[in-house]
C-alpha atoms as a PDB file:
ATOM      1  CA  UNK A   1     -50.612  59.447 -11.775  1.00  0.00           C
ATOM      2  CA  UNK A   2     -50.091  56.083 -10.517  1.00  0.00           C
ATOM      3  CA  UNK A   3     -47.450  55.528  -8.000  1.00  0.00           C
ATOM      4  CA  UNK A   4     -46.183  52.153  -7.060  1.00  0.00           C
ATOM      5  CA  UNK A   5     -45.055  51.581  -3.465  1.00  0.00           C
ATOM      6  CA  UNK A   6     -42.860  48.804  -2.598  1.00  0.00           C
ATOM      7  CA  UNK A   7     -42.187  47.238   0.666  1.00  0.00           C
ATOM      8  CA  UNK A   8     -38.481  46.777   1.649  1.00  0.00           C
ATOM      9  CA  UNK A   9     -37.971  43.072   1.860  1.00  0.00           C
ATOM     10  CA  UNK A  10     -35.271  41.762   4.063  1.00  0.00           C
ATOM     11  CA  UNK A  11     -34.823  38.428   2.289  1.00  0.00           C
ATOM     12  CA  UNK A  12     -33.065  40.323  -0.440  1.00  0.00           C
ATOM     13  CA  UNK A  13     -30.087  41.089   1.517  1.00  0.00           C
ATOM     14  CA  UNK A  14     -29.729  37.439   2.345  1.00  0.00           C
ATOM     15  CA  UNK A  15     -29.695  35.957  -1.184  1.00  0.00           C
ATOM     16  CA  UNK A  16     -26.099  36.760  -2.249  1.00  0.00           C
ATOM     17  CA  UNK A  17     -24.578  35.469   1.115  1.00  0.00           C
ATOM     18  CA  UNK A  18     -26.671  32.417   1.006  1.00  0.00           C
ATOM     19  CA  UNK A  19     -25.462  31.820  -2.447  1.00  0.00           C
ATOM     20  CA  UNK A  20     -21.922  32.253  -1.536  1.00  0.00           C
ATOM     21  CA  UNK A  21     -22.158  30.069   1.532  1.00  0.00           C
ATOM     22  CA  UNK A  22     -23.420  27.209  -0.598  1.00  0.00           C
ATOM     23  CA  UNK A  23     -21.016  27.689  -3.249  1.00  0.00           C
ATOM     24  CA  UNK A  24     -18.169  27.735  -0.501  1.00  0.00           C
ATOM     25  CA  UNK A  25     -19.537  24.641   1.327  1.00  0.00           C
ATOM     26  CA  UNK A  26     -19.773  22.818  -2.088  1.00  0.00           C
ATOM     27  CA  UNK A  27     -16.081  23.407  -2.939  1.00  0.00           C
ATOM     28  CA  UNK A  28     -14.861  23.026   0.734  1.00  0.00           C
ATOM     29  CA  UNK A  29     -16.467  19.481   0.851  1.00  0.00           C
ATOM     30  CA  UNK A  30     -14.724  18.423  -2.488  1.00  0.00           C
ATOM     31  CA  UNK A  31     -11.529  20.104  -1.250  1.00  0.00           C
ATOM     32  CA  UNK A  32     -11.502  17.578   1.699  1.00  0.00           C
ATOM     33  CA  UNK A  33     -13.496  14.543   0.348  1.00  0.00           C
ATOM     34  CA  UNK A  34     -12.712  14.669  -3.429  1.00  0.00           C
ATOM     35  CA  UNK A  35     -10.346  12.652  -5.371  1.00  0.00           C
ATOM     36  CA  UNK A  36      -7.434  14.999  -4.932  1.00  0.00           C
ATOM     37  CA  UNK A  37      -8.443  16.302  -1.494  1.00  0.00           C
ATOM     38  CA  UNK A  38      -6.775  16.220   1.814  1.00  0.00           C
ATOM     39  CA  UNK A  39      -8.498  13.044   2.997  1.00  0.00           C
ATOM     40  CA  UNK A  40      -7.284  11.385  -0.406  1.00  0.00           C
ATOM     41  CA  UNK A  41      -3.675  12.534   0.560  1.00  0.00           C
ATOM     42  CA  UNK A  42      -3.859  10.910   3.824  1.00  0.00           C
ATOM     43  CA  UNK A  43      -5.171   7.605   2.394  1.00  0.00           C
ATOM     44  CA  UNK A  44      -2.382   7.783  -0.355  1.00  0.00           C
ATOM     45  CA  UNK A  45       0.309   8.225   2.397  1.00  0.00           C
ATOM     46  CA  UNK A  46      -0.777   5.464   4.246  1.00  0.00           C
ATOM     47  CA  UNK A  47      -1.077   3.194   1.283  1.00  0.00           C
ATOM     48  CA  UNK A  48       2.471   4.382   0.403  1.00  0.00           C
ATOM     49  CA  UNK A  49       3.892   3.365   3.774  1.00  0.00           C
ATOM     50  CA  UNK A  50       2.259  -0.071   3.536  1.00  0.00           C
ATOM     51  CA  UNK A  51       3.545  -0.952  -0.006  1.00  0.00           C
ATOM     52  CA  UNK A  52       7.224   0.292   1.116  1.00  0.00           C
ATOM     53  CA  UNK A  53       7.110  -2.198   4.018  1.00  0.00           C
ATOM     54  CA  UNK A  54       5.957  -4.892   1.657  1.00  0.00           C
ATOM     55  CA  UNK A  55       8.766  -3.991  -0.824  1.00  0.00           C
ATOM     56  CA  UNK A  56      11.113  -4.107   2.010  1.00  0.00           C
ATOM     57  CA  UNK A  57      10.001  -7.615   2.831  1.00  0.00           C
ATOM     58  CA  UNK A  58      10.063  -8.749  -0.772  1.00  0.00           C
ATOM     59  CA  UNK A  59      13.639  -7.353  -1.236  1.00  0.00           C
ATOM     60  CA  UNK A  60      14.747  -9.273   1.815  1.00  0.00           C
ATOM     61  CA  UNK A  61      13.330 -12.427   0.490  1.00  0.00           C
ATOM     62  CA  UNK A  62      14.867 -11.842  -2.812  1.00  0.00           C
ATOM     63  CA  UNK A  63      18.207 -11.403  -1.276  1.00  0.00           C
ATOM     64  CA  UNK A  64      17.913 -14.599   0.714  1.00  0.00           C
ATOM     65  CA  UNK A  65      17.035 -16.547  -2.415  1.00  0.00           C
ATOM     66  CA  UNK A  66      19.848 -14.839  -4.474  1.00  0.00           C
ATOM     67  CA  UNK A  67      22.338 -15.937  -1.751  1.00  0.00           C
ATOM     68  CA  UNK A  68      21.110 -19.621  -1.942  1.00  0.00           C
ATOM     69  CA  UNK A  69      21.210 -19.510  -5.688  1.00  0.00           C
ATOM     70  CA  UNK A  70      24.864 -18.104  -5.604  1.00  0.00           C
ATOM     71  CA  UNK A  71      25.817 -21.063  -3.363  1.00  0.00           C
ATOM     72  CA  UNK A  72      24.663 -23.379  -6.301  1.00  0.00           C
ATOM     73  CA  UNK A  73      26.719 -21.768  -9.076  1.00  0.00           C
ATOM     74  CA  UNK A  74      29.773 -23.205 -10.765  1.00  0.00           C
ATOM     75  CA  UNK A  75      33.025 -22.764  -8.806  1.00  0.00           C
ATOM     76  CA  UNK A  76      31.219 -22.043  -5.479  1.00  0.00           C
ATOM     77  CA  UNK A  77      29.201 -25.242  -5.471  1.00  0.00           C
ATOM     78  CA  UNK A  78      28.671 -26.575  -1.984  1.00  0.00           C
ATOM     79  CA  UNK A  79      27.878 -30.236  -2.099  1.00  0.00           C
ATOM     80  CA  UNK A  80      25.879 -30.172   1.060  1.00  0.00           C
ATOM     81  CA  UNK A  81      23.774 -27.515  -0.426  1.00  0.00           C
ATOM     82  CA  UNK A  82      23.264 -29.513  -3.587  1.00  0.00           C
ATOM     83  CA  UNK A  83      22.599 -32.705  -1.823  1.00  0.00           C
ATOM     84  CA  UNK A  84      20.125 -30.953   0.343  1.00  0.00           C
ATOM     85  CA  UNK A  85      18.234 -29.397  -2.710  1.00  0.00           C
ATOM     86  CA  UNK A  86      18.184 -32.770  -4.714  1.00  0.00           C
ATOM     87  CA  UNK A  87      16.781 -34.821  -1.642  1.00  0.00           C
ATOM     88  CA  UNK A  88      14.258 -32.022  -0.916  1.00  0.00           C
ATOM     89  CA  UNK A  89      13.122 -31.826  -4.703  1.00  0.00           C
ATOM     90  CA  UNK A  90      13.005 -35.795  -5.161  1.00  0.00           C
ATOM     91  CA  UNK A  91      11.622 -36.485  -1.740  1.00  0.00           C
ATOM     92  CA  UNK A  92      14.260 -39.196  -1.125  1.00  0.00           C
ATOM     93  CA  UNK A  93      16.722 -40.366   1.519  1.00  0.00           C
ATOM     94  CA  UNK A  94      18.910 -43.329   2.168  1.00  0.00           C
ATOM     95  CA  UNK A  95      17.402 -46.379   4.124  1.00  0.00           C
ATOM     96  CA  UNK A  96      19.098 -45.884   7.375  1.00  0.00           C
ATOM     97  CA  UNK A  97      19.279 -42.029   7.192  1.00  0.00           C
ATOM     98  CA  UNK A  98      17.434 -39.937   9.659  1.00  0.00           C
ATOM     99  CA  UNK A  99      16.004 -36.914   8.146  1.00  0.00           C
ATOM    100  CA  UNK A 100      15.199 -33.821  10.328  1.00  0.00           C
ATOM    101  CA  UNK A 101      13.390 -30.907   8.661  1.00  0.00           C
ATOM    102  CA  UNK A 102      13.656 -27.592  10.516  1.00  0.00           C
ATOM    103  CA  UNK A 103      11.902 -24.464   9.879  1.00  0.00           C
ATOM    104  CA  UNK A 104      13.812 -21.428   9.150  1.00  0.00           C
ATOM    105  CA  UNK A 105      14.454 -19.108  11.997  1.00  0.00           C
ATOM    106  CA  UNK A 106      12.970 -15.648  11.644  1.00  0.00           C
ATOM    107  CA  UNK A 107      15.337 -12.862  12.422  1.00  0.00           C
END
């Protein structure tokens, strides 16, 4: 009768933990760096803050433009405003008139 003797290998005990470690490291990496991971969340929050500040600036500009347009509507027409807009659009002035252009003051 033949008997087979086997050596006990110590590497057999390490196969399952090694596979589990690889499995967890793969999913851990993608949980942080993936498209829907933690780092993507921080980038999205930073982009949201940037766009909200840009939106606030655009809303302020729009409010200013709406105010200037409101001054040109019928019934509230200011002749100085109309004269200023016409001269600026046509680039005209009277012969003996001094024109001083000032930049808008930033609040």
